[in-house]
Amino acid sequence: SGGGLVQAGGSLSLTCADSGRTFSTYAMAWFRQAP
């Protein structure tokens, strides 16, 4: 969550919720995919 539309130079804060605690003992990462 946390995505949106911003102008160049702006800021955003994204959050990843692991409510199932699937990765509580693992490393985690962010990825992205452009069109």
PDB file of all heavy atoms in Angstrom:
ATOM      1  N   SER A   1       0.834  -1.190   0.000  1.00  0.00           N
ATOM      2  CA  SER A   1       0.000   0.000   0.000  1.00  0.00           C
ATOM      3  C   SER A   1       0.873   1.247   0.000  1.00  0.00           C
ATOM      4  O   SER A   1       2.073   1.174   0.246  1.00  0.00           O
ATOM      5  CB  SER A   1      -0.935   0.017   1.213  1.00  0.00           C
ATOM      6  OG  SER A   1      -0.197   0.076   2.423  1.00  0.00           O
ATOM      7  N   GLY A   2       0.259   2.380  -0.281  1.00  0.00           N
ATOM      8  CA  GLY A   2       0.960   3.648  -0.218  1.00  0.00           C
ATOM      9  C   GLY A   2       1.292   4.279  -1.547  1.00  0.00           C
ATOM     10  O   GLY A   2       1.795   5.413  -1.587  1.00  0.00           O
ATOM     11  N   GLY A   3       1.028   3.584  -2.641  1.00  0.00           N
ATOM     12  CA  GLY A   3       1.326   4.137  -3.950  1.00  0.00           C
ATOM     13  C   GLY A   3       0.402   5.291  -4.292  1.00  0.00           C
ATOM     14  O   GLY A   3      -0.585   5.552  -3.620  1.00  0.00           O
ATOM     15  N   GLY A   4       0.748   5.981  -5.368  1.00  0.00           N
ATOM     16  CA  GLY A   4      -0.054   7.110  -5.799  1.00  0.00           C
ATOM     17  C   GLY A   4       0.607   7.861  -6.922  1.00  0.00           C
ATOM     18  O   GLY A   4       1.590   7.404  -7.503  1.00  0.00           O
ATOM     19  N   LEU A   5       0.057   9.027  -7.227  1.00  0.00           N
ATOM     20  CA  LEU A   5       0.570   9.890  -8.283  1.00  0.00           C
ATOM     21  C   LEU A   5       1.287  11.076  -7.661  1.00  0.00           C
ATOM     22  O   LEU A   5       0.709  11.792  -6.838  1.00  0.00           O
ATOM     23  CB  LEU A   5      -0.577  10.374  -9.169  1.00  0.00           C
ATOM     24  CG  LEU A   5      -0.246  11.416 -10.234  1.00  0.00           C
ATOM     25  CD1 LEU A   5       0.729  10.840 -11.256  1.00  0.00           C
ATOM     26  CD2 LEU A   5      -1.524  11.894 -10.918  1.00  0.00           C
ATOM     27  N   VAL A   6       2.537  11.273  -8.042  1.00  0.00           N
ATOM     28  CA  VAL A   6       3.320  12.397  -7.534  1.00  0.00           C
ATOM     29  C   VAL A   6       4.097  13.039  -8.670  1.00  0.00           C
ATOM     30  O   VAL A   6       4.329  12.423  -9.711  1.00  0.00           O
ATOM     31  CB  VAL A   6       4.309  11.966  -6.428  1.00  0.00           C
ATOM     32  CG1 VAL A   6       3.563  11.404  -5.228  1.00  0.00           C
ATOM     33  CG2 VAL A   6       5.295  10.935  -6.963  1.00  0.00           C
ATOM     34  N   GLN A   7       4.501  14.275  -8.460  1.00  0.00           N
ATOM     35  CA  GLN A   7       5.327  14.971  -9.429  1.00  0.00           C
ATOM     36  C   GLN A   7       6.789  14.615  -9.221  1.00  0.00           C
ATOM     37  O   GLN A   7       7.195  14.212  -8.127  1.00  0.00           O
ATOM     38  CB  GLN A   7       5.138  16.484  -9.308  1.00  0.00           C
ATOM     39  CG  GLN A   7       3.745  16.970  -9.672  1.00  0.00           C
ATOM     40  CD  GLN A   7       3.619  18.478  -9.597  1.00  0.00           C
ATOM     41  OE1 GLN A   7       4.449  19.153  -8.998  1.00  0.00           O
ATOM     42  NE2 GLN A   7       2.580  19.006 -10.220  1.00  0.00           N
ATOM     43  N   ALA A   8       7.575  14.742 -10.266  1.00  0.00           N
ATOM     44  CA  ALA A   8       9.002  14.487 -10.161  1.00  0.00           C
ATOM     45  C   ALA A   8       9.602  15.316  -9.032  1.00  0.00           C
ATOM     46  O   ALA A   8       9.288  16.494  -8.876  1.00  0.00           O
ATOM     47  CB  ALA A   8       9.694  14.802 -11.479  1.00  0.00           C
ATOM     48  N   GLY A   9      10.460  14.676  -8.253  1.00  0.00           N
ATOM     49  CA  GLY A   9      11.063  15.340  -7.111  1.00  0.00           C
ATOM     50  C   GLY A   9      10.308  15.128  -5.816  1.00  0.00           C
ATOM     51  O   GLY A   9      10.816  15.459  -4.736  1.00  0.00           O
ATOM     52  N   GLY A  10       9.116  14.567  -5.912  1.00  0.00           N
ATOM     53  CA  GLY A  10       8.296  14.333  -4.741  1.00  0.00           C
ATOM     54  C   GLY A  10       8.662  13.062  -4.005  1.00  0.00           C
ATOM     55  O   GLY A  10       9.624  12.378  -4.352  1.00  0.00           O
ATOM     56  N   SER A  11       7.863  12.750  -2.992  1.00  0.00           N
ATOM     57  CA  SER A  11       8.134  11.592  -2.146  1.00  0.00           C
ATOM     58  C   SER A  11       6.888  10.753  -1.918  1.00  0.00           C
ATOM     59  O   SER A  11       5.769  11.251  -1.976  1.00  0.00           O
ATOM     60  CB  SER A  11       8.666  12.047  -0.780  1.00  0.00           C
ATOM     61  OG  SER A  11       9.861  12.795  -0.906  1.00  0.00           O
ATOM     62  N   LEU A  12       7.102   9.483  -1.668  1.00  0.00           N
ATOM     63  CA  LEU A  12       6.049   8.554  -1.304  1.00  0.00           C
ATOM     64  C   LEU A  12       6.606   7.549  -0.315  1.00  0.00           C
ATOM     65  O   LEU A  12       7.805   7.262  -0.323  1.00  0.00           O
ATOM     66  CB  LEU A  12       5.507   7.795  -2.517  1.00  0.00           C
ATOM     67  CG  LEU A  12       4.492   8.477  -3.425  1.00  0.00           C
ATOM     68  CD1 LEU A  12       4.181   7.576  -4.612  1.00  0.00           C
ATOM     69  CD2 LEU A  12       3.213   8.800  -2.668  1.00  0.00           C
ATOM     70  N   SER A  13       5.732   7.011   0.513  1.00  0.00           N
ATOM     71  CA  SER A  13       6.116   5.986   1.465  1.00  0.00           C
ATOM     72  C   SER A  13       5.245   4.756   1.252  1.00  0.00           C
ATOM     73  O   SER A  13       4.016   4.839   1.335  1.00  0.00           O
ATOM     74  CB  SER A  13       5.958   6.498   2.903  1.00  0.00           C
ATOM     75  OG  SER A  13       6.328   5.501   3.837  1.00  0.00           O
ATOM     76  N   LEU A  14       5.868   3.631   0.955  1.00  0.00           N
ATOM     77  CA  LEU A  14       5.154   2.387   0.721  1.00  0.00           C
ATOM     78  C   LEU A  14       5.250   1.477   1.939  1.00  0.00           C
ATOM     79  O   LEU A  14       6.249   1.493   2.655  1.00  0.00           O
ATOM     80  CB  LEU A  14       5.715   1.653  -0.491  1.00  0.00           C
ATOM     81  CG  LEU A  14       5.832   2.444  -1.791  1.00  0.00           C
ATOM     82  CD1 LEU A  14       6.352   1.527  -2.901  1.00  0.00           C
ATOM     83  CD2 LEU A  14       4.498   3.061  -2.171  1.00  0.00           C
ATOM     84  N   THR A  15       4.215   0.682   2.143  1.00  0.00           N
ATOM     85  CA  THR A  15       4.195  -0.254   3.258  1.00  0.00           C
ATOM     86  C   THR A  15       3.833  -1.646   2.767  1.00  0.00           C
ATOM     87  O   THR A  15       2.946  -1.804   1.929  1.00  0.00           O
ATOM     88  CB  THR A  15       3.180   0.177   4.331  1.00  0.00           C
ATOM     89  OG1 THR A  15       3.557   1.448   4.866  1.00  0.00           O
ATOM     90  CG2 THR A  15       3.150  -0.830   5.477  1.00  0.00           C
ATOM     91  N   CYS A  16       4.522  -2.641   3.285  1.00  0.00           N
ATOM     92  CA  CYS A  16       4.246  -4.040   3.002  1.00  0.00           C
ATOM     93  C   CYS A  16       3.816  -4.689   4.308  1.00  0.00           C
ATOM     94  O   CYS A  16       4.585  -4.705   5.275  1.00  0.00           O
ATOM     95  CB  CYS A  16       5.496  -4.724   2.445  1.00  0.00           C
ATOM     96  SG  CYS A  16       5.340  -6.511   2.217  1.00  0.00           S
ATOM     97  N   ALA A  17       2.603  -5.204   4.338  1.00  0.00           N
ATOM     98  CA  ALA A  17       2.072  -5.827   5.545  1.00  0.00           C
ATOM     99  C   ALA A  17       2.129  -7.347   5.444  1.00  0.00           C
ATOM    100  O   ALA A  17       1.542  -7.933   4.535  1.00  0.00           O
ATOM    101  CB  ALA A  17       0.636  -5.373   5.779  1.00  0.00           C
ATOM    102  N   ASP A  18       2.836  -7.958   6.375  1.00  0.00           N
ATOM    103  CA  ASP A  18       2.973  -9.414   6.433  1.00  0.00           C
ATOM    104  C   ASP A  18       2.149  -9.912   7.614  1.00  0.00           C
ATOM    105  O   ASP A  18       2.687 -10.384   8.612  1.00  0.00           O
ATOM    106  CB  ASP A  18       4.449  -9.795   6.581  1.00  0.00           C
ATOM    107  CG  ASP A  18       4.673 -11.300   6.588  1.00  0.00           C
ATOM    108  OD1 ASP A  18       3.783 -12.047   6.130  1.00  0.00           O
ATOM    109  OD2 ASP A  18       5.755 -11.730   7.044  1.00  0.00           O
ATOM    110  N   SER A  19       0.839  -9.799   7.490  1.00  0.00           N
ATOM    111  CA  SER A  19      -0.046 -10.148   8.595  1.00  0.00           C
ATOM    112  C   SER A  19       0.010 -11.626   8.962  1.00  0.00           C
ATOM    113  O   SER A  19      -0.283 -11.997  10.099  1.00  0.00           O
ATOM    114  CB  SER A  19      -1.493  -9.751   8.268  1.00  0.00           C
ATOM    115  OG  SER A  19      -1.966 -10.402   7.103  1.00  0.00           O
ATOM    116  N   GLY A  20       0.401 -12.475   8.018  1.00  0.00           N
ATOM    117  CA  GLY A  20       0.506 -13.897   8.281  1.00  0.00           C
ATOM    118  C   GLY A  20       1.847 -14.305   8.855  1.00  0.00           C
ATOM    119  O   GLY A  20       2.062 -15.490   9.107  1.00  0.00           O
ATOM    120  N   ARG A  21       2.721 -13.360   9.053  1.00  0.00           N
ATOM    121  CA  ARG A  21       4.066 -13.590   9.604  1.00  0.00           C
ATOM    122  C   ARG A  21       4.848 -14.618   8.785  1.00  0.00           C
ATOM    123  O   ARG A  21       5.658 -15.370   9.316  1.00  0.00           O
ATOM    124  CB  ARG A  21       3.986 -14.005  11.062  1.00  0.00           C
ATOM    125  CG  ARG A  21       3.447 -12.918  11.990  1.00  0.00           C
ATOM    126  CD  ARG A  21       3.383 -13.407  13.427  1.00  0.00           C
ATOM    127  NE  ARG A  21       3.107 -12.319  14.353  1.00  0.00           N
ATOM    128  CZ  ARG A  21       1.895 -11.853  14.619  1.00  0.00           C
ATOM    129  NH1 ARG A  21       0.840 -12.374  14.022  1.00  0.00           N
ATOM    130  NH2 ARG A  21       1.737 -10.871  15.480  1.00  0.00           N
ATOM    131  N   THR A  22       4.620 -14.639   7.510  1.00  0.00           N
ATOM    132  CA  THR A  22       5.273 -15.584   6.623  1.00  0.00           C
ATOM    133  C   THR A  22       6.781 -15.383   6.574  1.00  0.00           C
ATOM    134  O   THR A  22       7.546 -16.347   6.500  1.00  0.00           O
ATOM    135  CB  THR A  22       4.705 -15.472   5.200  1.00  0.00           C
ATOM    136  OG1 THR A  22       3.284 -15.673   5.235  1.00  0.00           O
ATOM    137  CG2 THR A  22       5.341 -16.506   4.284  1.00  0.00           C
ATOM    138  N   PHE A  23       7.218 -14.138   6.651  1.00  0.00           N
ATOM    139  CA  PHE A  23       8.632 -13.824   6.488  1.00  0.00           C
ATOM    140  C   PHE A  23       9.259 -13.211   7.731  1.00  0.00           C
ATOM    141  O   PHE A  23      10.216 -12.447   7.636  1.00  0.00           O
ATOM    142  CB  PHE A  23       8.816 -12.897   5.279  1.00  0.00           C
ATOM    143  CG  PHE A  23       8.287 -13.474   4.006  1.00  0.00           C
ATOM    144  CD1 PHE A  23       7.109 -13.003   3.449  1.00  0.00           C
ATOM    145  CD2 PHE A  23       8.959 -14.505   3.378  1.00  0.00           C
ATOM    146  CE1 PHE A  23       6.615 -13.550   2.283  1.00  0.00           C
ATOM    147  CE2 PHE A  23       8.476 -15.064   2.216  1.00  0.00           C
ATOM    148  CZ  PHE A  23       7.302 -14.588   1.662  1.00  0.00           C
ATOM    149  N   SER A  24       8.724 -13.558   8.891  1.00  0.00           N
ATOM    150  CA  SER A  24       9.228 -12.991  10.133  1.00  0.00           C
ATOM    151  C   SER A  24      10.677 -13.370  10.421  1.00  0.00           C
ATOM    152  O   SER A  24      11.372 -12.650  11.142  1.00  0.00           O
ATOM    153  CB  SER A  24       8.341 -13.414  11.312  1.00  0.00           C
ATOM    154  OG  SER A  24       8.329 -14.827  11.450  1.00  0.00           O
ATOM    155  N   THR A  25      11.141 -14.479   9.862  1.00  0.00           N
ATOM    156  CA  THR A  25      12.523 -14.919  10.065  1.00  0.00           C
ATOM    157  C   THR A  25      13.324 -14.926   8.769  1.00  0.00           C
ATOM    158  O   THR A  25      14.391 -15.527   8.703  1.00  0.00           O
ATOM    159  CB  THR A  25      12.573 -16.318  10.702  1.00  0.00           C
ATOM    160  OG1 THR A  25      11.925 -17.260   9.843  1.00  0.00           O
ATOM    161  CG2 THR A  25      11.888 -16.315  12.064  1.00  0.00           C
ATOM    162  N   TYR A  26      12.817 -14.262   7.763  1.00  0.00           N
ATOM    163  CA  TYR A  26      13.478 -14.198   6.461  1.00  0.00           C
ATOM    164  C   TYR A  26      13.792 -12.761   6.077  1.00  0.00           C
ATOM    165  O   TYR A  26      13.232 -11.808   6.617  1.00  0.00           O
ATOM    166  CB  TYR A  26      12.589 -14.799   5.371  1.00  0.00           C
ATOM    167  CG  TYR A  26      12.398 -16.290   5.465  1.00  0.00           C
ATOM    168  CD1 TYR A  26      11.381 -16.821   6.251  1.00  0.00           C
ATOM    169  CD2 TYR A  26      13.227 -17.158   4.764  1.00  0.00           C
ATOM    170  CE1 TYR A  26      11.200 -18.189   6.344  1.00  0.00           C
ATOM    171  CE2 TYR A  26      13.039 -18.530   4.852  1.00  0.00           C
ATOM    172  CZ  TYR A  26      12.027 -19.039   5.635  1.00  0.00           C
ATOM    173  OH  TYR A  26      11.841 -20.395   5.722  1.00  0.00           O
ATOM    174  N   ALA A  27      14.667 -12.622   5.114  1.00  0.00           N
ATOM    175  CA  ALA A  27      14.911 -11.322   4.520  1.00  0.00           C
ATOM    176  C   ALA A  27      13.707 -10.950   3.659  1.00  0.00           C
ATOM    177  O   ALA A  27      12.949 -11.814   3.227  1.00  0.00           O
ATOM    178  CB  ALA A  27      16.177 -11.362   3.670  1.00  0.00           C
ATOM    179  N   MET A  28      13.536  -9.665   3.427  1.00  0.00           N
ATOM    180  CA  MET A  28      12.444  -9.194   2.587  1.00  0.00           C
ATOM    181  C   MET A  28      12.971  -8.163   1.597  1.00  0.00           C
ATOM    182  O   MET A  28      14.048  -7.601   1.791  1.00  0.00           O
ATOM    183  CB  MET A  28      11.317  -8.593   3.432  1.00  0.00           C
ATOM    184  CG  MET A  28      10.652  -9.589   4.364  1.00  0.00           C
ATOM    185  SD  MET A  28       9.240  -8.889   5.276  1.00  0.00           S
ATOM    186  CE  MET A  28       8.034  -8.738   3.938  1.00  0.00           C
ATOM    187  N   ALA A  29      12.203  -7.932   0.563  1.00  0.00           N
ATOM    188  CA  ALA A  29      12.668  -7.021  -0.473  1.00  0.00           C
ATOM    189  C   ALA A  29      11.519  -6.355  -1.207  1.00  0.00           C
ATOM    190  O   ALA A  29      10.383  -6.836  -1.194  1.00  0.00           O
ATOM    191  CB  ALA A  29      13.546  -7.771  -1.480  1.00  0.00           C
ATOM    192  N   TRP A  30      11.834  -5.245  -1.837  1.00  0.00           N
ATOM    193  CA  TRP A  30      10.917  -4.539  -2.716  1.00  0.00           C
ATOM    194  C   TRP A  30      11.361  -4.751  -4.155  1.00  0.00           C
ATOM    195  O   TRP A  30      12.560  -4.730  -4.455  1.00  0.00           O
ATOM    196  CB  TRP A  30      10.890  -3.043  -2.415  1.00  0.00           C
ATOM    197  CG  TRP A  30      10.163  -2.685  -1.158  1.00  0.00           C
ATOM    198  CD1 TRP A  30      10.700  -2.471   0.067  1.00  0.00           C
ATOM    199  CD2 TRP A  30       8.751  -2.495  -1.027  1.00  0.00           C
ATOM    200  NE1 TRP A  30       9.718  -2.160   0.973  1.00  0.00           N
ATOM    201  CE2 TRP A  30       8.505  -2.165   0.327  1.00  0.00           C
ATOM    202  CE3 TRP A  30       7.675  -2.560  -1.901  1.00  0.00           C
ATOM    203  CZ2 TRP A  30       7.224  -1.908   0.813  1.00  0.00           C
ATOM    204  CZ3 TRP A  30       6.397  -2.313  -1.416  1.00  0.00           C
ATOM    205  CH2 TRP A  30       6.183  -1.987  -0.082  1.00  0.00           C
ATOM    206  N   PHE A  31      10.395  -4.923  -5.033  1.00  0.00           N
ATOM    207  CA  PHE A  31      10.621  -5.073  -6.458  1.00  0.00           C
ATOM    208  C   PHE A  31       9.677  -4.132  -7.188  1.00  0.00           C
ATOM    209  O   PHE A  31       8.720  -3.628  -6.611  1.00  0.00           O
ATOM    210  CB  PHE A  31      10.351  -6.514  -6.908  1.00  0.00           C
ATOM    211  CG  PHE A  31      11.133  -7.550  -6.155  1.00  0.00           C
ATOM    212  CD1 PHE A  31      10.672  -8.043  -4.948  1.00  0.00           C
ATOM    213  CD2 PHE A  31      12.334  -8.030  -6.661  1.00  0.00           C
ATOM    214  CE1 PHE A  31      11.389  -8.997  -4.242  1.00  0.00           C
ATOM    215  CE2 PHE A  31      13.059  -8.987  -5.973  1.00  0.00           C
ATOM    216  CZ  PHE A  31      12.593  -9.462  -4.764  1.00  0.00           C
ATOM    217  N   ARG A  32       9.942  -3.901  -8.450  1.00  0.00           N
ATOM    218  CA  ARG A  32       9.029  -3.075  -9.236  1.00  0.00           C
ATOM    219  C   ARG A  32       9.015  -3.555 -10.680  1.00  0.00           C
ATOM    220  O   ARG A  32       9.966  -4.150 -11.160  1.00  0.00           O
ATOM    221  CB  ARG A  32       9.421  -1.597  -9.174  1.00  0.00           C
ATOM    222  CG  ARG A  32      10.752  -1.251  -9.826  1.00  0.00           C
ATOM    223  CD  ARG A  32      11.109   0.203  -9.567  1.00  0.00           C
ATOM    224  NE  ARG A  32      12.347   0.594 -10.218  1.00  0.00           N
ATOM    225  CZ  ARG A  32      12.936   1.777 -10.055  1.00  0.00           C
ATOM    226  NH1 ARG A  32      12.390   2.689  -9.250  1.00  0.00           N
ATOM    227  NH2 ARG A  32      14.066   2.049 -10.684  1.00  0.00           N
ATOM    228  N   GLN A  33       7.915  -3.278 -11.343  1.00  0.00           N
ATOM    229  CA  GLN A  33       7.773  -3.664 -12.735  1.00  0.00           C
ATOM    230  C   GLN A  33       7.086  -2.543 -13.498  1.00  0.00           C
ATOM    231  O   GLN A  33       5.952  -2.187 -13.202  1.00  0.00           O
ATOM    232  CB  GLN A  33       6.977  -4.960 -12.870  1.00  0.00           C
ATOM    233  CG  GLN A  33       6.924  -5.500 -14.290  1.00  0.00           C
ATOM    234  CD  GLN A  33       6.396  -6.917 -14.348  1.00  0.00           C
ATOM    235  OE1 GLN A  33       5.656  -7.354 -13.470  1.00  0.00           O
ATOM    236  NE2 GLN A  33       6.781  -7.654 -15.377  1.00  0.00           N
ATOM    237  N   ALA A  34       7.792  -2.002 -14.460  1.00  0.00           N
ATOM    238  CA  ALA A  34       7.259  -0.958 -15.320  1.00  0.00           C
ATOM    239  C   ALA A  34       6.636  -1.598 -16.554  1.00  0.00           C
ATOM    240  O   ALA A  34       6.986  -2.722 -16.923  1.00  0.00           O
ATOM    241  CB  ALA A  34       8.369   0.010 -15.723  1.00  0.00           C
ATOM    242  N   PRO A  35       5.713  -0.896 -17.215  1.00  0.00           N
ATOM    243  CA  PRO A  35       5.080  -1.448 -18.417  1.00  0.00           C
ATOM    244  C   PRO A  35       6.105  -1.850 -19.467  1.00  0.00           C
ATOM    245  O   PRO A  35       7.006  -1.082 -19.792  1.00  0.00           O
ATOM    246  CB  PRO A  35       4.211  -0.286 -18.910  1.00  0.00           C
ATOM    247  CG  PRO A  35       3.898   0.487 -17.675  1.00  0.00           C
ATOM    248  CD  PRO A  35       5.153   0.420 -16.859  1.00  0.00           C
TER     249      PRO A  35
END
